[in-house]
PDB file of N, CA and C in Angstrom:
ATOM      1  N   MET A   1     -86.349 -44.030  24.839  1.00  0.00           N
ATOM      2  CA  MET A   1     -87.959 -45.289  24.334  1.00  0.00           C
ATOM      3  C   MET A   1     -87.114 -45.881  23.098  1.00  0.00           C
ATOM      4  N   GLU A   2     -87.951 -46.584  23.125  1.00  0.00           N
ATOM      5  CA  GLU A   2     -87.529 -47.182  21.936  1.00  0.00           C
ATOM      6  C   GLU A   2     -88.055 -46.065  20.322  1.00  0.00           C
ATOM      7  N   GLN A   3     -88.097 -47.268  19.232  1.00  0.00           N
ATOM      8  CA  GLN A   3     -88.409 -46.326  18.331  1.00  0.00           C
ATOM      9  C   GLN A   3     -89.720 -46.900  18.059  1.00  0.00           C
ATOM     10  N   HIS A   4     -91.025 -46.570  19.078  1.00  0.00           N
ATOM     11  CA  HIS A   4     -92.168 -46.670  19.428  1.00  0.00           C
ATOM     12  C   HIS A   4     -92.841 -44.860  17.821  1.00  0.00           C
ATOM     13  N   HIS A   5     -94.070 -45.530  16.919  1.00  0.00           N
ATOM     14  CA  HIS A   5     -94.365 -44.859  16.041  1.00  0.00           C
ATOM     15  C   HIS A   5     -95.263 -44.204  17.412  1.00  0.00           C
ATOM     16  N   LEU A   6     -95.816 -42.766  17.413  1.00  0.00           N
ATOM     17  CA  LEU A   6     -96.731 -42.044  17.697  1.00  0.00           C
ATOM     18  C   LEU A   6     -98.734 -41.574  17.613  1.00  0.00           C
ATOM     19  N   SER A   7     -99.141 -41.812  17.817  1.00  0.00           N
ATOM     20  CA  SER A   7    -100.089 -41.486  17.656  1.00  0.00           C
ATOM     21  C   SER A   7    -100.887 -39.896  17.212  1.00  0.00           C
ATOM     22  N   ASP A   8    -101.852 -39.610  16.392  1.00  0.00           N
ATOM     23  CA  ASP A   8    -101.867 -37.993  16.717  1.00  0.00           C
ATOM     24  C   ASP A   8    -102.354 -37.743  18.254  1.00  0.00           C
ATOM     25  N   SER A   9    -103.690 -38.618  18.421  1.00  0.00           N
ATOM     26  CA  SER A   9    -103.947 -38.622  20.236  1.00  0.00           C
ATOM     27  C   SER A   9    -102.004 -39.068  21.052  1.00  0.00           C
ATOM     28  N   GLU A  10    -101.635 -39.393  20.810  1.00  0.00           N
ATOM     29  CA  GLU A  10    -100.582 -40.069  21.731  1.00  0.00           C
ATOM     30  C   GLU A  10    -100.418 -38.617  22.069  1.00  0.00           C
ATOM     31  N   TYR A  11     -99.333 -38.278  20.882  1.00  0.00           N
ATOM     32  CA  TYR A  11     -99.316 -36.708  21.452  1.00  0.00           C
ATOM     33  C   TYR A  11     -99.669 -35.920  21.436  1.00  0.00           C
ATOM     34  N   ARG A  12    -100.738 -35.662  21.749  1.00  0.00           N
ATOM     35  CA  ARG A  12    -101.253 -34.892  22.105  1.00  0.00           C
ATOM     36  C   ARG A  12    -101.519 -34.957  23.572  1.00  0.00           C
ATOM     37  N   LEU A  13    -102.282 -35.700  23.968  1.00  0.00           N
ATOM     38  CA  LEU A  13    -101.500 -36.133  25.241  1.00  0.00           C
ATOM     39  C   LEU A  13    -100.442 -35.903  26.873  1.00  0.00           C
ATOM     40  N   LEU A  14     -99.533 -36.489  25.816  1.00  0.00           N
ATOM     41  CA  LEU A  14     -97.691 -36.057  26.263  1.00  0.00           C
ATOM     42  C   LEU A  14     -97.425 -34.554  25.890  1.00  0.00           C
ATOM     43  N   ARG A  15     -97.981 -34.008  25.288  1.00  0.00           N
ATOM     44  CA  ARG A  15     -98.067 -32.348  25.366  1.00  0.00           C
ATOM     45  C   ARG A  15     -98.591 -31.781  26.362  1.00  0.00           C
ATOM     46  N   VAL A  16     -99.973 -32.432  26.723  1.00  0.00           N
ATOM     47  CA  VAL A  16    -100.283 -32.478  28.384  1.00  0.00           C
ATOM     48  C   VAL A  16     -99.604 -32.462  29.728  1.00  0.00           C
ATOM     49  N   VAL A  17     -99.113 -33.553  28.896  1.00  0.00           N
ATOM     50  CA  VAL A  17     -98.043 -34.377  30.313  1.00  0.00           C
ATOM     51  C   VAL A  17     -97.317 -33.078  30.312  1.00  0.00           C
ATOM     52  N   TRP A  18     -96.897 -32.568  29.648  1.00  0.00           N
ATOM     53  CA  TRP A  18     -95.331 -31.942  29.294  1.00  0.00           C
ATOM     54  C   TRP A  18     -95.226 -30.676  29.988  1.00  0.00           C
ATOM     55  N   ALA A  19     -96.499 -30.358  29.343  1.00  0.00           N
ATOM     56  CA  ALA A  19     -97.279 -29.617  30.646  1.00  0.00           C
ATOM     57  C   ALA A  19     -97.756 -28.750  31.854  1.00  0.00           C
ATOM     58  N   SER A  20     -97.911 -30.259  32.120  1.00  0.00           N
ATOM     59  CA  SER A  20     -98.492 -30.234  33.875  1.00  0.00           C
ATOM     60  C   SER A  20     -97.959 -30.896  34.158  1.00  0.00           C
ATOM     61  N   GLU A  21     -96.937 -32.177  34.222  1.00  0.00           N
ATOM     62  CA  GLU A  21     -96.337 -33.099  35.135  1.00  0.00           C
ATOM     63  C   GLU A  21     -95.739 -32.547  36.093  1.00  0.00           C
ATOM     64  N   PRO A  22     -95.148 -32.615  37.368  1.00  0.00           N
ATOM     65  CA  PRO A  22     -96.137 -34.537  37.550  1.00  0.00           C
ATOM     66  C   PRO A  22     -97.584 -34.198  37.933  1.00  0.00           C
ATOM     67  N   VAL A  23     -98.518 -34.676  36.961  1.00  0.00           N
ATOM     68  CA  VAL A  23     -99.711 -34.243  37.519  1.00  0.00           C
ATOM     69  C   VAL A  23    -100.564 -35.630  37.851  1.00  0.00           C
ATOM     70  N   ALA A  24    -101.414 -35.550  38.936  1.00  0.00           N
ATOM     71  CA  ALA A  24    -102.561 -36.512  39.084  1.00  0.00           C
ATOM     72  C   ALA A  24    -103.131 -37.001  37.724  1.00  0.00           C
ATOM     73  N   SER A  25    -103.206 -38.099  37.611  1.00  0.00           N
ATOM     74  CA  SER A  25    -104.067 -38.906  37.114  1.00  0.00           C
ATOM     75  C   SER A  25    -105.420 -38.246  36.630  1.00  0.00           C
ATOM     76  N   GLY A  26    -106.145 -38.197  38.411  1.00  0.00           N
ATOM     77  CA  GLY A  26    -108.116 -37.592  37.803  1.00  0.00           C
ATOM     78  C   GLY A  26    -107.585 -36.641  37.264  1.00  0.00           C
ATOM     79  N   GLN A  27    -106.542 -36.000  37.212  1.00  0.00           N
ATOM     80  CA  GLN A  27    -106.466 -33.984  37.192  1.00  0.00           C
ATOM     81  C   GLN A  27    -105.790 -33.884  36.146  1.00  0.00           C
ATOM     82  N   LEU A  28    -105.704 -34.967  35.517  1.00  0.00           N
ATOM     83  CA  LEU A  28    -104.834 -35.394  33.616  1.00  0.00           C
ATOM     84  C   LEU A  28    -106.058 -35.180  33.002  1.00  0.00           C
ATOM     85  N   VAL A  29    -107.131 -36.312  33.134  1.00  0.00           N
ATOM     86  CA  VAL A  29    -108.690 -36.033  32.929  1.00  0.00           C
ATOM     87  C   VAL A  29    -109.166 -34.873  32.741  1.00  0.00           C
ATOM     88  N   THR A  30    -109.465 -34.864  33.941  1.00  0.00           N
ATOM     89  CA  THR A  30    -109.703 -32.980  33.987  1.00  0.00           C
ATOM     90  C   THR A  30    -109.364 -32.031  32.342  1.00  0.00           C
ATOM     91  N   LEU A  31    -107.561 -31.843  33.085  1.00  0.00           N
ATOM     92  CA  LEU A  31    -107.164 -31.601  31.784  1.00  0.00           C
ATOM     93  C   LEU A  31    -107.138 -31.773  30.429  1.00  0.00           C
ATOM     94  N   CYS A  32    -107.327 -33.089  30.019  1.00  0.00           N
ATOM     95  CA  CYS A  32    -107.703 -33.584  28.787  1.00  0.00           C
ATOM     96  C   CYS A  32    -109.141 -33.448  27.900  1.00  0.00           C
ATOM     97  N   GLY A  33    -110.431 -33.626  29.697  1.00  0.00           N
ATOM     98  CA  GLY A  33    -111.500 -33.320  29.109  1.00  0.00           C
ATOM     99  C   GLY A  33    -111.321 -31.279  27.785  1.00  0.00           C
ATOM    100  N   GLU A  34    -110.714 -30.898  28.551  1.00  0.00           N
ATOM    101  CA  GLU A  34    -110.392 -29.405  29.479  1.00  0.00           C
ATOM    102  C   GLU A  34    -109.763 -28.758  27.598  1.00  0.00           C
ATOM    103  N   ARG A  35    -108.623 -29.359  27.359  1.00  0.00           N
ATOM    104  CA  ARG A  35    -107.950 -29.006  26.217  1.00  0.00           C
ATOM    105  C   ARG A  35    -108.039 -29.999  24.967  1.00  0.00           C
ATOM    106  N   LEU A  36    -108.443 -30.823  24.857  1.00  0.00           N
ATOM    107  CA  LEU A  36    -108.612 -32.373  24.634  1.00  0.00           C
ATOM    108  C   LEU A  36    -110.336 -32.806  24.017  1.00  0.00           C
ATOM    109  N   GLY A  37    -111.086 -32.305  24.690  1.00  0.00           N
ATOM    110  CA  GLY A  37    -112.652 -32.445  24.265  1.00  0.00           C
ATOM    111  C   GLY A  37    -112.711 -34.151  24.960  1.00  0.00           C
ATOM    112  N   TRP A  38    -112.063 -34.854  24.985  1.00  0.00           N
ATOM    113  CA  TRP A  38    -111.663 -36.056  25.615  1.00  0.00           C
ATOM    114  C   TRP A  38    -112.498 -36.747  27.227  1.00  0.00           C
ATOM    115  N   LYS A  39    -113.336 -38.046  27.297  1.00  0.00           N
ATOM    116  CA  LYS A  39    -113.510 -38.469  28.614  1.00  0.00           C
ATOM    117  C   LYS A  39    -112.425 -38.771  29.100  1.00  0.00           C
ATOM    118  N   LYS A  40    -112.722 -39.404  29.406  1.00  0.00           N
ATOM    119  CA  LYS A  40    -112.533 -39.841  31.318  1.00  0.00           C
ATOM    120  C   LYS A  40    -111.829 -41.495  31.066  1.00  0.00           C
ATOM    121  N   SER A  41    -112.095 -42.059  29.171  1.00  0.00           N
ATOM    122  CA  SER A  41    -112.092 -43.434  29.276  1.00  0.00           C
ATOM    123  C   SER A  41    -111.451 -43.579  28.356  1.00  0.00           C
ATOM    124  N   THR A  42    -111.476 -42.106  27.439  1.00  0.00           N
ATOM    125  CA  THR A  42    -110.188 -42.172  26.353  1.00  0.00           C
ATOM    126  C   THR A  42    -108.616 -41.553  27.020  1.00  0.00           C
ATOM    127  N   THR A  43    -108.531 -40.490  27.861  1.00  0.00           N
ATOM    128  CA  THR A  43    -107.803 -40.258  28.912  1.00  0.00           C
ATOM    129  C   THR A  43    -106.525 -41.684  28.907  1.00  0.00           C
ATOM    130  N   TYR A  44    -108.042 -41.937  29.990  1.00  0.00           N
ATOM    131  CA  TYR A  44    -106.821 -43.614  30.076  1.00  0.00           C
ATOM    132  C   TYR A  44    -106.497 -44.993  29.662  1.00  0.00           C
ATOM    133  N   THR A  45    -108.007 -45.133  27.984  1.00  0.00           N
ATOM    134  CA  THR A  45    -107.083 -45.098  27.409  1.00  0.00           C
ATOM    135  C   THR A  45    -105.323 -45.095  26.724  1.00  0.00           C
ATOM    136  N   VAL A  46    -105.509 -44.404  26.417  1.00  0.00           N
ATOM    137  CA  VAL A  46    -104.402 -42.868  25.763  1.00  0.00           C
ATOM    138  C   VAL A  46    -102.531 -43.333  25.985  1.00  0.00           C
ATOM    139  N   LEU A  47    -103.376 -43.150  27.461  1.00  0.00           N
ATOM    140  CA  LEU A  47    -101.820 -42.990  29.539  1.00  0.00           C
ATOM    141  C   LEU A  47    -101.758 -44.533  28.961  1.00  0.00           C
ATOM    142  N   LYS A  48    -102.193 -45.533  28.860  1.00  0.00           N
ATOM    143  CA  LYS A  48    -102.201 -46.592  28.664  1.00  0.00           C
ATOM    144  C   LYS A  48    -101.471 -47.318  27.918  1.00  0.00           C
ATOM    145  N   LYS A  49    -101.317 -47.090  26.598  1.00  0.00           N
ATOM    146  CA  LYS A  49    -100.784 -47.060  25.656  1.00  0.00           C
ATOM    147  C   LYS A  49     -99.627 -46.357  26.217  1.00  0.00           C
ATOM    148  N   LEU A  50     -99.101 -45.344  26.692  1.00  0.00           N
ATOM    149  CA  LEU A  50     -98.242 -43.638  26.730  1.00  0.00           C
ATOM    150  C   LEU A  50     -96.567 -44.720  27.332  1.00  0.00           C
ATOM    151  N   CYS A  51     -97.815 -45.424  28.547  1.00  0.00           N
ATOM    152  CA  CYS A  51     -96.854 -45.979  28.989  1.00  0.00           C
ATOM    153  C   CYS A  51     -96.357 -47.833  29.178  1.00  0.00           C
ATOM    154  N   ASP A  52     -96.888 -47.864  28.398  1.00  0.00           N
ATOM    155  CA  ASP A  52     -96.542 -49.460  27.587  1.00  0.00           C
ATOM    156  C   ASP A  52     -95.612 -49.210  27.153  1.00  0.00           C
ATOM    157  N   LYS A  53     -95.413 -48.017  26.808  1.00  0.00           N
ATOM    158  CA  LYS A  53     -94.761 -47.791  25.696  1.00  0.00           C
ATOM    159  C   LYS A  53     -93.696 -47.569  26.131  1.00  0.00           C
ATOM    160  N   GLY A  54     -93.815 -47.070  27.334  1.00  0.00           N
ATOM    161  CA  GLY A  54     -92.148 -46.748  28.041  1.00  0.00           C
ATOM    162  C   GLY A  54     -92.007 -45.154  28.603  1.00  0.00           C
ATOM    163  N   VAL A  55     -93.045 -44.368  27.126  1.00  0.00           N
ATOM    164  CA  VAL A  55     -93.368 -42.889  27.380  1.00  0.00           C
ATOM    165  C   VAL A  55     -93.051 -42.125  28.474  1.00  0.00           C
ATOM    166  N   LEU A  56     -94.647 -42.925  29.253  1.00  0.00           N
ATOM    167  CA  LEU A  56     -94.596 -42.336  30.284  1.00  0.00           C
ATOM    168  C   LEU A  56     -94.981 -43.540  31.605  1.00  0.00           C
ATOM    169  N   ARG A  57     -95.472 -42.589  32.886  1.00  0.00           N
ATOM    170  CA  ARG A  57     -95.552 -44.076  33.810  1.00  0.00           C
ATOM    171  C   ARG A  57     -96.316 -42.946  34.273  1.00  0.00           C
ATOM    172  N   ASN A  58     -97.033 -43.813  35.220  1.00  0.00           N
ATOM    173  CA  ASN A  58     -98.330 -43.499  36.388  1.00  0.00           C
ATOM    174  C   ASN A  58     -97.962 -44.490  37.562  1.00  0.00           C
ATOM    175  N   GLU A  59     -97.155 -44.134  38.700  1.00  0.00           N
ATOM    176  CA  GLU A  59     -97.113 -44.349  39.330  1.00  0.00           C
ATOM    177  C   GLU A  59     -97.666 -44.012  40.992  1.00  0.00           C
ATOM    178  N   GLY A  60     -97.909 -44.710  42.009  1.00  0.00           N
ATOM    179  CA  GLY A  60     -99.339 -44.124  43.020  1.00  0.00           C
ATOM    180  C   GLY A  60    -100.350 -42.976  42.320  1.00  0.00           C
ATOM    181  N   SER A  61    -100.002 -42.900  40.782  1.00  0.00           N
ATOM    182  CA  SER A  61    -101.982 -42.404  40.587  1.00  0.00           C
ATOM    183  C   SER A  61    -101.285 -41.303  40.268  1.00  0.00           C
ATOM    184  N   THR A  62     -99.774 -40.886  40.243  1.00  0.00           N
ATOM    185  CA  THR A  62     -98.970 -39.698  39.729  1.00  0.00           C
ATOM    186  C   THR A  62     -98.010 -39.917  37.963  1.00  0.00           C
ATOM    187  N   VAL A  63     -97.763 -39.186  37.180  1.00  0.00           N
ATOM    188  CA  VAL A  63     -98.213 -38.948  35.760  1.00  0.00           C
ATOM    189  C   VAL A  63     -96.629 -37.792  35.838  1.00  0.00           C
ATOM    190  N   THR A  64     -95.888 -39.212  34.923  1.00  0.00           N
ATOM    191  CA  THR A  64     -94.738 -37.663  34.732  1.00  0.00           C
ATOM    192  C   THR A  64     -93.990 -38.794  33.007  1.00  0.00           C
ATOM    193  N   SER A  65     -93.838 -37.380  32.242  1.00  0.00           N
ATOM    194  CA  SER A  65     -92.872 -38.146  31.193  1.00  0.00           C
ATOM    195  C   SER A  65     -91.706 -39.656  31.495  1.00  0.00           C
ATOM    196  N   ALA A  66     -91.302 -40.720  30.852  1.00  0.00           N
ATOM    197  CA  ALA A  66     -90.045 -40.844  30.445  1.00  0.00           C
ATOM    198  C   ALA A  66     -89.346 -40.650  30.071  1.00  0.00           C
ATOM    199  N   VAL A  67     -89.893 -39.724  28.786  1.00  0.00           N
ATOM    200  CA  VAL A  67     -89.115 -39.690  27.574  1.00  0.00           C
ATOM    201  C   VAL A  67     -88.653 -38.337  26.864  1.00  0.00           C
ATOM    202  N   PRO A  68     -87.665 -37.379  27.497  1.00  0.00           N
ATOM    203  CA  PRO A  68     -87.823 -36.333  27.602  1.00  0.00           C
ATOM    204  C   PRO A  68     -88.582 -35.470  25.467  1.00  0.00           C
ATOM    205  N   ARG A  69     -89.507 -34.921  25.787  1.00  0.00           N
ATOM    206  CA  ARG A  69     -90.115 -33.767  25.121  1.00  0.00           C
ATOM    207  C   ARG A  69     -89.108 -34.332  23.358  1.00  0.00           C
ATOM    208  N   ALA A  70     -88.027 -33.807  23.592  1.00  0.00           N
ATOM    209  CA  ALA A  70     -86.747 -33.114  22.471  1.00  0.00           C
ATOM    210  C   ALA A  70     -86.882 -34.080  21.912  1.00  0.00           C
ATOM    211  N   ALA A  71     -86.182 -36.327  22.599  1.00  0.00           N
ATOM    212  CA  ALA A  71     -86.812 -36.815  21.966  1.00  0.00           C
ATOM    213  C   ALA A  71     -86.787 -36.943  20.850  1.00  0.00           C
ATOM    214  N   VAL A  72     -88.941 -37.181  21.755  1.00  0.00           N
ATOM    215  CA  VAL A  72     -90.078 -37.393  21.137  1.00  0.00           C
ATOM    216  C   VAL A  72     -90.340 -36.262  19.788  1.00  0.00           C
ATOM    217  N   ASP A  73     -89.883 -35.549  19.801  1.00  0.00           N
ATOM    218  CA  ASP A  73     -89.513 -34.109  18.896  1.00  0.00           C
ATOM    219  C   ASP A  73     -88.705 -35.045  17.291  1.00  0.00           C
ATOM    220  N   HIS A  74     -87.554 -34.899  17.667  1.00  0.00           N
ATOM    221  CA  HIS A  74     -86.464 -35.600  17.548  1.00  0.00           C
ATOM    222  C   HIS A  74     -87.437 -37.552  16.052  1.00  0.00           C
ATOM    223  N   ARG A  75     -87.508 -38.118  16.466  1.00  0.00           N
ATOM    224  CA  ARG A  75     -87.624 -38.622  15.897  1.00  0.00           C
ATOM    225  C   ARG A  75     -89.262 -38.908  14.817  1.00  0.00           C
ATOM    226  N   ALA A  76     -89.751 -37.850  16.109  1.00  0.00           N
ATOM    227  CA  ALA A  76     -91.845 -37.101  14.403  1.00  0.00           C
ATOM    228  C   ALA A  76     -90.769 -36.944  13.302  1.00  0.00           C
ATOM    229  N   ALA A  77     -89.823 -35.734  13.940  1.00  0.00           N
ATOM    230  CA  ALA A  77     -89.178 -34.853  12.684  1.00  0.00           C
ATOM    231  C   ALA A  77     -88.194 -36.313  11.927  1.00  0.00           C
ATOM    232  N   GLU A  78     -87.500 -37.274  12.507  1.00  0.00           N
ATOM    233  CA  GLU A  78     -87.190 -38.136  11.776  1.00  0.00           C
ATOM    234  C   GLU A  78     -88.278 -38.819  10.571  1.00  0.00           C
ATOM    235  N   ALA A  79     -89.197 -39.621  11.716  1.00  0.00           N
ATOM    236  CA  ALA A  79     -89.811 -39.764  10.879  1.00  0.00           C
ATOM    237  C   ALA A  79     -90.738 -39.101   9.739  1.00  0.00           C
ATOM    238  N   PHE A  80     -91.295 -38.315   9.798  1.00  0.00           N
ATOM    239  CA  PHE A  80     -91.772 -37.580   8.977  1.00  0.00           C
ATOM    240  C   PHE A  80     -91.006 -37.305   7.952  1.00  0.00           C
ATOM    241  N   VAL A  81     -90.152 -36.900   8.169  1.00  0.00           N
ATOM    242  CA  VAL A  81     -89.147 -36.627   6.534  1.00  0.00           C
ATOM    243  C   VAL A  81     -88.357 -38.116   6.354  1.00  0.00           C
ATOM    244  N   ASP A  82     -87.863 -38.728   6.703  1.00  0.00           N
ATOM    245  CA  ASP A  82     -87.448 -40.276   6.037  1.00  0.00           C
ATOM    246  C   ASP A  82     -88.757 -40.761   5.327  1.00  0.00           C
ATOM    247  N   LYS A  83     -90.585 -40.489   5.824  1.00  0.00           N
ATOM    248  CA  LYS A  83     -91.743 -40.542   4.619  1.00  0.00           C
ATOM    249  C   LYS A  83     -92.083 -39.984   3.780  1.00  0.00           C
ATOM    250  N   THR A  84     -92.081 -39.066   3.848  1.00  0.00           N
ATOM    251  CA  THR A  84     -91.503 -38.262   3.270  1.00  0.00           C
ATOM    252  C   THR A  84     -91.576 -37.393   1.821  1.00  0.00           C
ATOM    253  N   PHE A  85     -89.742 -37.102   2.050  1.00  0.00           N
ATOM    254  CA  PHE A  85     -89.176 -37.469   1.766  1.00  0.00           C
ATOM    255  C   PHE A  85     -87.564 -38.484   1.361  1.00  0.00           C
ATOM    256  N   GLY A  86     -88.463 -39.544   2.370  1.00  0.00           N
ATOM    257  CA  GLY A  86     -87.563 -40.476   1.951  1.00  0.00           C
ATOM    258  C   GLY A  86     -86.278 -39.723   2.394  1.00  0.00           C
ATOM    259  N   GLY A  87     -86.368 -39.953   2.923  1.00  0.00           N
ATOM    260  CA  GLY A  87     -85.346 -39.867   4.285  1.00  0.00           C
ATOM    261  C   GLY A  87     -84.190 -38.093   4.480  1.00  0.00           C
ATOM    262  N   SER A  88     -84.299 -37.029   2.736  1.00  0.00           N
ATOM    263  CA  SER A  88     -83.487 -36.601   2.117  1.00  0.00           C
ATOM    264  C   SER A  88     -83.895 -35.143   2.559  1.00  0.00           C
ATOM    265  N   LEU A  89     -83.477 -34.449   3.755  1.00  0.00           N
ATOM    266  CA  LEU A  89     -83.645 -33.483   3.615  1.00  0.00           C
ATOM    267  C   LEU A  89     -82.996 -32.137   3.672  1.00  0.00           C
ATOM    268  N   PRO A  90     -82.380 -32.138   3.048  1.00  0.00           N
ATOM    269  CA  PRO A  90     -82.649 -30.518   2.097  1.00  0.00           C
ATOM    270  C   PRO A  90     -84.213 -31.178   0.886  1.00  0.00           C
ATOM    271  N   GLY A  91     -84.350 -32.228   0.411  1.00  0.00           N
ATOM    272  CA  GLY A  91     -86.083 -31.984   0.563  1.00  0.00           C
ATOM    273  C   GLY A  91     -87.165 -31.760   0.576  1.00  0.00           C
ATOM    274  N   PHE A  92     -86.605 -32.278   1.974  1.00  0.00           N
ATOM    275  CA  PHE A  92     -87.254 -31.157   2.762  1.00  0.00           C
ATOM    276  C   PHE A  92     -87.449 -30.050   3.441  1.00  0.00           C
ATOM    277  N   LEU A  93     -86.191 -29.321   3.056  1.00  0.00           N
ATOM    278  CA  LEU A  93     -85.832 -28.081   2.947  1.00  0.00           C
ATOM    279  C   LEU A  93     -86.335 -27.462   1.790  1.00  0.00           C
ATOM    280  N   THR A  94     -86.209 -27.755   0.806  1.00  0.00           N
ATOM    281  CA  THR A  94     -86.846 -26.869  -0.554  1.00  0.00           C
ATOM    282  C   THR A  94     -88.768 -26.990  -0.489  1.00  0.00           C
ATOM    283  N   ALA A  95     -89.284 -28.220   0.097  1.00  0.00           N
ATOM    284  CA  ALA A  95     -90.274 -27.926   0.231  1.00  0.00           C
ATOM    285  C   ALA A  95     -91.288 -26.799   1.510  1.00  0.00           C
ATOM    286  N   PHE A  96     -90.039 -27.465   2.677  1.00  0.00           N
ATOM    287  CA  PHE A  96     -90.806 -25.958   3.720  1.00  0.00           C
ATOM    288  C   PHE A  96     -90.567 -24.481   3.124  1.00  0.00           C
ATOM    289  N   MET A  97     -89.627 -24.399   2.098  1.00  0.00           N
ATOM    290  CA  MET A  97     -89.128 -23.165   1.778  1.00  0.00           C
ATOM    291  C   MET A  97     -90.348 -22.465   1.020  1.00  0.00           C
ATOM    292  N   GLY A  98     -90.200 -23.347   0.107  1.00  0.00           N
ATOM    293  CA  GLY A  98     -91.827 -23.098  -0.739  1.00  0.00           C
ATOM    294  C   GLY A  98     -91.303 -21.300  -1.889  1.00  0.00           C
ATOM    295  N   GLY A  99     -89.829 -21.254  -1.916  1.00  0.00           N
ATOM    296  CA  GLY A  99     -90.124 -20.553  -2.739  1.00  0.00           C
ATOM    297  C   GLY A  99     -90.006 -19.703  -1.728  1.00  0.00           C
ATOM    298  N   ARG A 100     -90.058 -19.132  -0.778  1.00  0.00           N
ATOM    299  CA  ARG A 100     -89.351 -17.804   0.932  1.00  0.00           C
ATOM    300  C   ARG A 100     -88.579 -17.612   0.594  1.00  0.00           C
ATOM    301  N   LYS A 101     -87.999 -16.438   0.138  1.00  0.00           N
ATOM    302  CA  LYS A 101     -85.958 -16.335   0.633  1.00  0.00           C
ATOM    303  C   LYS A 101     -86.191 -16.109   1.903  1.00  0.00           C
ATOM    304  N   LEU A 102     -84.425 -16.547   2.078  1.00  0.00           N
ATOM    305  CA  LEU A 102     -83.772 -15.856   3.512  1.00  0.00           C
ATOM    306  C   LEU A 102     -83.831 -14.467   3.923  1.00  0.00           C
ATOM    307  N   THR A 103     -83.833 -14.129   5.519  1.00  0.00           N
ATOM    308  CA  THR A 103     -83.592 -12.989   6.031  1.00  0.00           C
ATOM    309  C   THR A 103     -81.542 -13.390   5.235  1.00  0.00           C
ATOM    310  N   ALA A 104     -80.737 -11.788   5.547  1.00  0.00           N
ATOM    311  CA  ALA A 104     -79.556 -12.927   5.660  1.00  0.00           C
ATOM    312  C   ALA A 104     -78.566 -13.277   7.738  1.00  0.00           C
ATOM    313  N   LYS A 105     -79.806 -12.979   7.926  1.00  0.00           N
ATOM    314  CA  LYS A 105     -79.558 -14.060   9.351  1.00  0.00           C
ATOM    315  C   LYS A 105     -79.915 -15.305   9.201  1.00  0.00           C
ATOM    316  N   GLU A 106     -81.576 -15.778   8.694  1.00  0.00           N
ATOM    317  CA  GLU A 106     -81.555 -16.590   8.844  1.00  0.00           C
ATOM    318  C   GLU A 106     -80.201 -17.419   8.134  1.00  0.00           C
ATOM    319  N   ALA A 107     -79.817 -17.276   6.593  1.00  0.00           N
ATOM    320  CA  ALA A 107     -78.958 -17.760   6.517  1.00  0.00           C
ATOM    321  C   ALA A 107     -77.737 -17.915   7.108  1.00  0.00           C
ATOM    322  N   GLU A 108     -77.184 -16.842   8.120  1.00  0.00           N
ATOM    323  CA  GLU A 108     -76.149 -17.481   8.585  1.00  0.00           C
ATOM    324  C   GLU A 108     -76.164 -18.218   9.650  1.00  0.00           C
ATOM    325  N   ASP A 109     -77.942 -17.459  10.184  1.00  0.00           N
ATOM    326  CA  ASP A 109     -77.656 -19.541  11.515  1.00  0.00           C
ATOM    327  C   ASP A 109     -77.915 -20.560  10.977  1.00  0.00           C
ATOM    328  N   LEU A 110     -78.503 -20.469   9.621  1.00  0.00           N
ATOM    329  CA  LEU A 110     -78.465 -22.334   8.856  1.00  0.00           C
ATOM    330  C   LEU A 110     -77.487 -22.709   8.590  1.00  0.00           C
ATOM    331  N   LYS A 111     -76.639 -21.515   8.085  1.00  0.00           N
ATOM    332  CA  LYS A 111     -75.136 -22.249   7.575  1.00  0.00           C
ATOM    333  C   LYS A 111     -73.887 -22.661   9.234  1.00  0.00           C
ATOM    334  N   ARG A 112     -74.313 -21.540  10.648  1.00  0.00           N
ATOM    335  CA  ARG A 112     -73.618 -22.489  11.960  1.00  0.00           C
ATOM    336  C   ARG A 112     -73.794 -23.556  11.446  1.00  0.00           C
ATOM    337  N   LEU A 113     -75.613 -24.264  11.865  1.00  0.00           N
ATOM    338  CA  LEU A 113     -76.276 -25.244  12.311  1.00  0.00           C
ATOM    339  C   LEU A 113     -75.400 -26.250  11.398  1.00  0.00           C
ATOM    340  N   ILE A 114     -75.817 -26.175   9.937  1.00  0.00           N
ATOM    341  CA  ILE A 114     -74.929 -26.930   8.941  1.00  0.00           C
ATOM    342  C   ILE A 114     -73.349 -27.739   9.469  1.00  0.00           C
ATOM    343  N   GLU A 115     -72.575 -26.182   9.608  1.00  0.00           N
ATOM    344  CA  GLU A 115     -71.135 -26.752  10.652  1.00  0.00           C
ATOM    345  C   GLU A 115     -71.970 -28.303  11.603  1.00  0.00           C
ATOM    346  N   THR A 116     -71.539 -27.194  11.856  1.00  0.00           N
ATOM    347  CA  THR A 116     -72.001 -27.197  14.012  1.00  0.00           C
ATOM    348  C   THR A 116     -72.374 -29.540  13.627  1.00  0.00           C
ATOM    349  N   TYR A 117     -73.735 -30.007  12.474  1.00  0.00           N
ATOM    350  CA  TYR A 117     -73.153 -31.211  12.356  1.00  0.00           C
ATOM    351  C   TYR A 117     -72.849 -31.794  11.296  1.00  0.00           C
ATOM    352  N   GLN A 118     -72.235 -30.720  10.304  1.00  0.00           N
ATOM    353  CA  GLN A 118     -71.193 -31.765   9.844  1.00  0.00           C
ATOM    354  C   GLN A 118     -70.164 -32.711   9.692  1.00  0.00           C
ATOM    355  N   GLU A 119     -70.449 -34.149   8.645  1.00  0.00           N
ATOM    356  CA  GLU A 119     -69.791 -35.123   8.756  1.00  0.00           C
ATOM    357  C   GLU A 119     -67.780 -34.626   7.947  1.00  0.00           C
ATOM    358  N   GLY A 120     -67.290 -35.259   8.553  1.00  0.00           N
ATOM    359  CA  GLY A 120     -66.060 -35.077   8.606  1.00  0.00           C
ATOM    360  C   GLY A 120     -64.786 -33.624   8.820  1.00  0.00           C
TER     361      GLY A 120
END
């Protein structure tokens, strides 16, 4: 997937596809109606946008993802931190924590995570 911005509605449709794939496009319309309150035209409009972006495939009326959820989630998180915190991960963590204390296990898990991704 290129670095495309996904709208909230595109992400919501992706979540339905990831939970159900492979899914027939007609069944996708039904699922989006039930889960998102969407009409058929809305589902097909958003589906077309995601196919045009290369995120989903609709081949033979069967919809599948072309990009793993982890890749989309990573890009969304990265874009959020860039936009909201100027790319500062410590700034994001400070805001996220909001004064909350970590358990000893959480602190240890975070230390291991930092060591895994630390440069040099």
